[in-house]
Protein backbone atom coordinates (compact mmCIF):
# COMPACT_ATOMS: atom_id res chain seq x y z
CA MET A 1 44.28 53.19 32.36
CA THR A 2 40.68 52.03 32.31
CA PHE A 3 37.98 53.18 30.01
CA PRO A 4 34.39 53.63 31.10
CA THR A 5 32.10 50.98 29.62
CA SER A 6 28.38 50.86 29.16
CA ARG A 7 26.39 47.61 29.26
CA ARG A 8 23.20 49.20 28.04
CA PRO A 9 23.74 48.74 24.26
CA ILE A 10 24.82 45.14 24.80
CA ASP A 11 21.85 44.40 27.03
CA GLU A 12 19.47 45.98 24.55
CA GLY A 13 20.94 43.92 21.70
CA ALA A 14 20.68 40.70 23.69
CA SER A 15 17.13 41.52 24.66
CA LYS A 16 16.18 42.19 21.02
CA LEU A 17 17.81 38.93 19.91
CA ALA A 18 15.93 36.98 22.58
CA SER A 19 12.70 38.64 21.48
CA ASP A 20 13.33 37.70 17.83
CA ILE A 21 14.06 34.09 18.79
CA ALA A 22 10.90 33.95 20.87
CA GLY A 23 8.97 35.22 17.87
CA LEU A 24 10.31 32.38 15.76
CA GLU A 25 9.24 29.67 18.23
CA PRO A 26 5.60 29.43 17.07
CA ALA A 27 6.73 29.00 13.46
CA ARG A 28 9.23 26.34 14.54
CA ARG A 29 6.59 24.48 16.52
CA LEU A 30 4.23 24.72 13.55
CA ARG A 31 6.87 23.28 11.25
CA ASN A 32 7.59 20.41 13.66
CA ARG A 33 3.95 19.54 14.24
CA TRP A 34 2.66 19.38 10.65
CA PRO A 35 3.47 15.66 10.26
CA ARG A 36 1.39 14.91 13.37
CA TRP A 37 -1.54 16.99 12.09
CA LEU A 38 -1.33 15.31 8.69
CA GLY A 39 -1.39 11.90 10.34
CA MET A 40 -4.40 12.83 12.49
CA ALA A 41 -6.33 14.23 9.51
CA LEU A 42 -5.55 11.17 7.41
CA SER A 43 -6.59 8.82 10.22
CA ILE A 44 -9.95 10.59 10.52
CA LEU A 45 -10.48 10.37 6.75
CA MET A 46 -9.57 6.67 6.74
CA VAL A 47 -12.00 5.79 9.53
CA ALA A 48 -14.81 7.84 7.94
CA ARG A 49 -14.26 6.30 4.52
CA LEU A 50 -14.02 2.76 5.89
CA ALA A 51 -17.20 3.20 7.93
CA TYR A 52 -19.01 4.50 4.86
CA GLU A 53 -17.86 1.59 2.70
CA LEU A 54 -18.71 -1.00 5.33
CA LEU A 55 -22.16 0.38 6.18
CA ASN A 56 -23.00 1.06 2.55
CA GLU A 57 -22.20 -2.40 1.17
CA GLY A 58 -20.00 -4.44 3.49
CA LEU A 59 -22.55 -5.43 6.14
CA ALA A 60 -24.92 -6.74 3.49
CA ASP A 61 -22.08 -8.81 2.05
CA LEU A 62 -21.18 -10.21 5.48
CA SER A 63 -24.74 -11.48 5.91
CA ARG A 64 -24.20 -13.90 3.04
CA THR A 65 -22.40 -17.25 3.12
CA VAL A 66 -19.50 -17.12 5.59
CA PRO A 67 -16.68 -19.66 5.04
CA ALA A 68 -16.69 -22.21 7.87
CA ASN A 69 -13.15 -23.53 7.36
CA PRO A 70 -10.74 -21.65 9.69
CA LEU A 71 -7.93 -22.20 7.19
CA PHE A 72 -9.69 -19.71 4.92
CA TYR A 73 -9.06 -16.96 7.47
CA VAL A 74 -5.44 -18.03 7.98
CA ALA A 75 -4.72 -17.88 4.24
CA PHE A 76 -6.69 -14.63 3.91
CA ALA A 77 -4.65 -13.07 6.73
CA VAL A 78 -1.46 -14.03 4.84
CA THR A 79 -2.61 -12.33 1.64
CA TYR A 80 -3.79 -9.26 3.57
CA MET A 81 -0.61 -8.87 5.63
CA ALA A 82 1.80 -9.59 2.76
CA LEU A 83 1.97 -5.92 1.71
CA PRO A 84 2.53 -4.26 5.12
CA VAL A 85 4.89 -6.99 6.33
CA PHE A 86 7.12 -6.82 3.26
CA ASP A 87 7.04 -3.00 3.35
CA TYR A 88 8.10 -3.17 6.99
CA LEU A 89 10.95 -5.57 6.14
CA ILE A 90 12.15 -3.24 3.39
CA TYR A 91 12.16 -0.13 5.57
CA ARG A 92 13.58 -2.09 8.48
CA LYS A 93 16.54 -2.92 6.25
CA LEU A 94 16.86 0.68 5.05
CA TRP A 95 16.30 2.58 8.30
CA GLY A 96 16.01 0.10 11.19
CA ILE A 97 12.45 1.19 12.06
CA PRO A 98 10.88 -0.30 15.24
CA PHE A 99 8.51 -3.26 14.88
CA VAL A 100 5.13 -2.12 16.20
CA ALA A 101 5.42 1.57 15.26
CA GLY A 102 6.93 0.75 11.88
CA LEU A 103 4.35 -1.92 11.04
CA GLY A 104 1.61 0.49 12.11
CA ALA A 105 2.98 3.24 9.86
CA VAL A 106 3.21 1.06 6.74
CA SER A 107 -0.27 -0.37 7.49
CA ARG A 108 -1.76 3.12 7.67
CA LYS A 109 0.09 3.96 4.45
CA ARG A 110 -1.55 1.00 2.72
CA ILE A 111 -5.03 1.75 4.11
CA ALA A 112 -4.84 5.43 3.11
CA ASN A 113 -3.77 4.51 -0.42
CA ASP A 114 -6.69 2.05 -0.64
CA VAL A 115 -9.56 4.11 0.78
CA VAL A 116 -8.66 7.82 0.72
CA ILE A 117 -6.67 9.07 -2.30
CA GLY A 118 -3.96 7.32 -4.27
CA TYR A 119 -0.48 7.97 -2.78
CA SER A 120 -1.97 9.84 0.21
CA GLY A 121 -0.55 7.00 2.29
CA ASP A 122 2.93 7.62 0.88
CA ALA A 123 2.61 11.29 1.86
CA TYR A 124 1.62 10.23 5.37
CA PHE A 125 4.53 7.78 5.60
CA TYR A 126 6.96 10.48 4.48
CA ALA A 127 5.63 12.75 7.24
CA TRP A 128 5.91 9.91 9.75
CA ALA A 129 9.50 9.19 8.74
CA ARG A 130 10.44 12.88 8.99
CA GLN A 131 8.97 13.03 12.46
CA ARG A 132 10.12 9.72 13.94
CA MET A 133 13.36 8.74 12.22
CA LYS A 134 16.51 10.69 13.05
CA MET A 135 18.23 10.27 9.72
CA VAL A 136 21.00 12.32 8.15
CA VAL A 137 19.42 12.10 4.69
CA ALA A 138 15.77 13.03 4.09
CA PRO A 139 13.55 9.96 3.60
CA PHE A 140 11.96 11.17 0.35
CA GLY A 141 14.48 9.43 -1.94
CA ALA A 142 14.09 6.01 -0.31
CA ILE A 143 10.27 6.20 -0.23
CA LYS A 144 10.26 7.26 -3.89
CA ASP A 145 12.50 4.34 -4.87
CA VAL A 146 10.45 1.77 -2.94
CA THR A 147 7.17 3.07 -4.41
CA ILE A 148 8.46 3.08 -7.99
CA LEU A 149 9.94 -0.40 -7.62
CA SER A 150 6.63 -1.67 -6.24
CA GLY A 151 4.90 -0.52 -9.42
CA ILE A 152 7.62 -1.98 -11.65
CA ALA A 153 7.43 -5.33 -9.83
CA GLY A 154 3.65 -5.38 -10.29
CA ASN A 155 4.00 -4.57 -13.99
CA ALA A 156 6.73 -7.17 -14.46
CA THR A 157 4.61 -9.85 -12.79
CA ALA A 158 1.61 -8.87 -14.93
CA LEU A 159 3.73 -8.99 -18.10
CA VAL A 160 4.97 -12.49 -17.28
CA MET A 161 1.40 -13.66 -16.73
CA ALA A 162 0.27 -11.90 -19.91
CA ALA A 163 2.95 -13.72 -21.90
CA ILE A 164 1.54 -16.99 -20.54
CA ALA A 165 -2.14 -16.06 -20.85
CA LEU A 166 -2.25 -14.38 -24.27
CA PRO A 167 -1.63 -17.55 -26.33
CA LEU A 168 -4.26 -19.40 -24.25
CA SER A 169 -6.90 -16.65 -24.32
CA SER A 170 -7.41 -16.30 -28.06
CA ASP A 171 -10.15 -18.97 -28.05
CA TRP A 172 -12.45 -17.38 -25.43
CA LEU A 173 -11.75 -13.66 -25.96
CA THR A 174 -13.37 -11.64 -28.74
CA HIS A 175 -11.12 -9.91 -31.24
CA SER A 176 -11.72 -6.53 -29.56
CA GLN A 177 -11.05 -7.94 -26.08
CA PHE A 178 -7.89 -9.66 -27.25
CA ASN A 179 -6.61 -6.40 -28.76
CA LYS A 180 -7.31 -4.50 -25.53
CA PHE A 181 -5.58 -7.23 -23.56
CA ALA A 182 -2.50 -7.12 -25.80
CA GLY A 183 -2.50 -3.32 -25.92
CA SER A 184 -2.65 -3.10 -22.13
CA ALA A 185 0.34 -5.43 -21.84
CA LEU A 186 2.25 -3.25 -24.30
CA ILE A 187 1.40 -0.11 -22.30
CA LEU A 188 2.66 -1.76 -19.10
CA LEU A 189 5.95 -2.50 -20.85
CA VAL A 190 6.28 1.03 -22.27
CA VAL A 191 5.47 2.66 -18.91
CA SER A 192 8.12 0.59 -17.10
CA LEU A 193 10.95 1.03 -19.62
CA PRO A 194 11.87 4.68 -18.85
CA PHE A 195 12.53 3.84 -15.20
CA LEU A 196 14.92 1.11 -16.28
CA VAL A 197 16.64 3.09 -19.04
CA PHE A 198 17.15 6.21 -16.88
CA SER A 199 17.56 4.36 -13.60
CA ARG A 200 20.66 6.33 -12.56
CA ARG A 201 18.71 9.58 -12.72
CA VAL A 202 15.48 8.22 -11.28
CA PHE A 203 16.66 6.22 -8.28
CA SER A 204 18.57 7.38 -5.23
CA LEU A 205 19.62 4.09 -3.59
CA PRO A 206 22.56 1.91 -4.71
CA SER A 207 21.78 -0.59 -7.47
CA ARG A 208 22.40 -3.61 -5.25
CA ARG A 209 19.86 -2.34 -2.74
CA LEU A 210 17.40 -1.58 -5.55
CA TRP A 211 17.56 -5.15 -6.86
CA TRP A 212 16.95 -6.47 -3.35
CA ILE A 213 13.88 -4.22 -2.95
CA PHE A 214 12.59 -5.33 -6.36
CA ALA A 215 12.99 -9.00 -5.37
CA MET A 216 11.14 -8.35 -2.11
CA HIS A 217 8.23 -6.78 -3.99
CA CYS A 218 8.08 -9.71 -6.42
CA ALA A 219 8.09 -12.18 -3.51
CA ARG A 220 5.31 -10.21 -1.80
CA ILE A 221 3.15 -10.24 -4.94
CA ILE A 222 3.61 -13.98 -5.51
CA ILE A 223 2.97 -14.90 -1.86
CA GLY A 224 -0.14 -12.71 -1.75
CA ALA A 225 -1.56 -14.18 -4.96
CA VAL A 226 -0.89 -17.78 -3.89
CA ALA A 227 -2.39 -17.22 -0.42
CA LEU A 228 -5.51 -15.65 -1.96
CA GLY A 229 -5.99 -18.62 -4.29
CA VAL A 230 -5.59 -21.02 -1.35
CA ALA A 231 -8.08 -18.99 0.72
CA TRP A 232 -10.65 -19.17 -2.07
CA HIS A 233 -10.11 -22.93 -2.27
CA PHE A 234 -10.86 -23.31 1.45
CA ALA A 235 -14.02 -21.23 0.97
CA LEU A 236 -15.24 -23.32 -1.99
CA PRO A 237 -13.37 -26.66 -1.72
CA MET A 238 -15.45 -28.33 -4.44
CA ILE A 239 -13.25 -26.50 -6.98
CA ALA A 240 -9.64 -27.64 -7.42
CA VAL A 241 -6.99 -25.40 -5.91
CA GLY A 242 -5.24 -25.16 -9.29
CA TRP A 243 -8.21 -23.26 -10.74
CA TRP A 244 -8.19 -20.85 -7.80
CA LEU A 245 -4.47 -20.19 -8.20
CA PHE A 246 -5.06 -19.50 -11.89
CA LEU A 247 -7.90 -17.10 -11.07
CA SER A 248 -5.81 -15.33 -8.43
CA ALA A 249 -3.08 -14.77 -11.02
CA ALA A 250 -5.72 -13.60 -13.52
CA ARG A 251 -7.10 -11.16 -10.95
CA LEU A 252 -3.64 -9.71 -10.44
CA LEU A 253 -3.20 -9.35 -14.19
CA VAL A 254 -6.63 -7.81 -14.80
CA SER A 255 -6.12 -5.27 -11.99
CA ARG A 256 -3.15 -3.76 -13.85
CA LEU A 257 -4.66 -3.57 -17.34
CA PRO A 258 -4.95 0.16 -18.22
CA LEU A 259 -7.36 -0.17 -21.18
CA VAL A 260 -10.02 -2.22 -19.36
CA PRO A 261 -12.82 0.07 -18.06
CA ASN A 262 -14.43 -2.29 -15.50
CA LYS A 263 -11.81 -4.63 -14.07
CA ASP A 264 -14.01 -6.16 -11.36
CA LEU A 265 -16.74 -7.04 -13.87
CA LEU A 266 -14.20 -8.56 -16.27
CA PHE A 267 -12.69 -10.69 -13.52
CA ALA A 268 -16.09 -11.84 -12.25
CA ASN A 269 -17.19 -12.82 -15.75
CA LEU A 270 -13.90 -14.63 -16.35
CA ALA A 271 -14.19 -16.54 -13.08
CA ILE A 272 -17.80 -17.58 -13.67
CA MET A 273 -17.01 -18.63 -17.23
CA LEU A 274 -14.06 -20.79 -16.15
CA ILE A 275 -15.39 -22.46 -13.02
CA GLY A 276 -19.14 -21.79 -12.88
CA GLU A 277 -20.71 -21.53 -9.40
CA GLY A 278 -21.83 -17.99 -10.18
CA LYS A 279 -23.87 -17.29 -7.00
CA ALA A 280 -21.40 -18.92 -4.61
CA LEU A 281 -18.47 -17.23 -6.34
CA SER A 282 -20.02 -13.75 -6.25
CA ASP A 283 -20.92 -14.19 -2.56
CA MET A 284 -17.38 -15.30 -1.73
CA ILE A 285 -15.80 -12.36 -3.58
CA ALA A 286 -18.22 -9.96 -1.87
CA PHE A 287 -17.40 -11.47 1.53
CA SER A 288 -13.66 -11.13 0.83
CA ALA A 289 -14.11 -7.44 -0.03
CA ALA A 290 -16.05 -6.84 3.20
CA LEU A 291 -13.42 -8.74 5.18
CA TYR A 292 -10.74 -6.45 3.75
CA LEU A 293 -12.69 -3.46 5.08
CA LEU A 294 -13.06 -5.06 8.51
CA LEU A 295 -9.33 -5.75 8.70
CA HIS A 296 -8.61 -2.16 7.64
CA ILE A 297 -10.79 -0.89 10.49
CA ALA A 298 -9.36 -3.34 13.04
CA LEU A 299 -5.76 -2.40 12.24
CA THR A 300 -6.53 1.33 12.21
CA ILE A 301 -8.07 1.09 15.69
CA ALA A 302 -5.35 -1.23 17.03
CA PHE A 303 -2.41 0.93 15.93
CA ALA A 304 -4.17 4.12 17.02
CA GLY A 305 -4.58 2.57 20.48
CA HIS A 306 -0.92 1.61 20.52
CA ARG A 307 0.07 5.21 19.73
CA ILE A 308 -2.07 6.50 22.61
CA VAL A 309 -0.54 3.99 25.04
CA GLU A 310 2.95 4.82 23.77
CA LYS A 311 2.43 8.55 24.37
CA GLU A 312 1.09 8.01 27.89
CA ALA A 313 3.93 5.65 28.86
């Protein structure tokens, strides 16, 4: 015996389901495209900010004494590329990111952090990783660990230098300056301790991998500081390279002191007091700052062009 059947209810249900799914498509596309829109907006902000900085001060600085020794630019390129290259090596180890696209992403992360808003580059890199890397686990935990360890490595390096510099600085620092110097070193230690004490709750990656990342950050900081001191020596060779290496380490230390209101002024005064050559030194530091901006712009344009070519291929 057969029973009469009607397809109409089934067809209506299928049609309604298809209509609901179609209604969800715009929201799905919106959710998938937000990393791209964030990257585009951040790129526009970076270019605008870099152009403003360069036109406002950088071009005037470039008109001053330009180092003639090509080794200056080689050493300067090493100190500039130390951060993105070591970041790339870290994330290559963690995720296996491609060379050009990965190096471009970490370079844009660094530029955004420098010229837009602090940690805006990390937000961009998180969006890039979500969009490009097909990972089982969300990338937030790894990016968080790498960023925190970068700060701890910087603080640890500064504390080591402070331990060396404090006994030597009592003769040329005032009592107030010495207290601020010592207090800043103590704050760096206090800020870093909670991450070490509660490391199991703070970090997501295995401890062995965390120690490797920490060592990579320390190596990056040391290589960058040494290369900067060597670059300064090639710019002003009349001053011994040992003094430049000392000043590069002092610059790294001063940049992390939380109680010092004007770090650039303190470093400039320290450098002039130790080695003299006030006009030449200020011109060289100004030229280095302008060169940083030019390299930021060049890399932003180069990697943006690579992305366009990659999409059209």
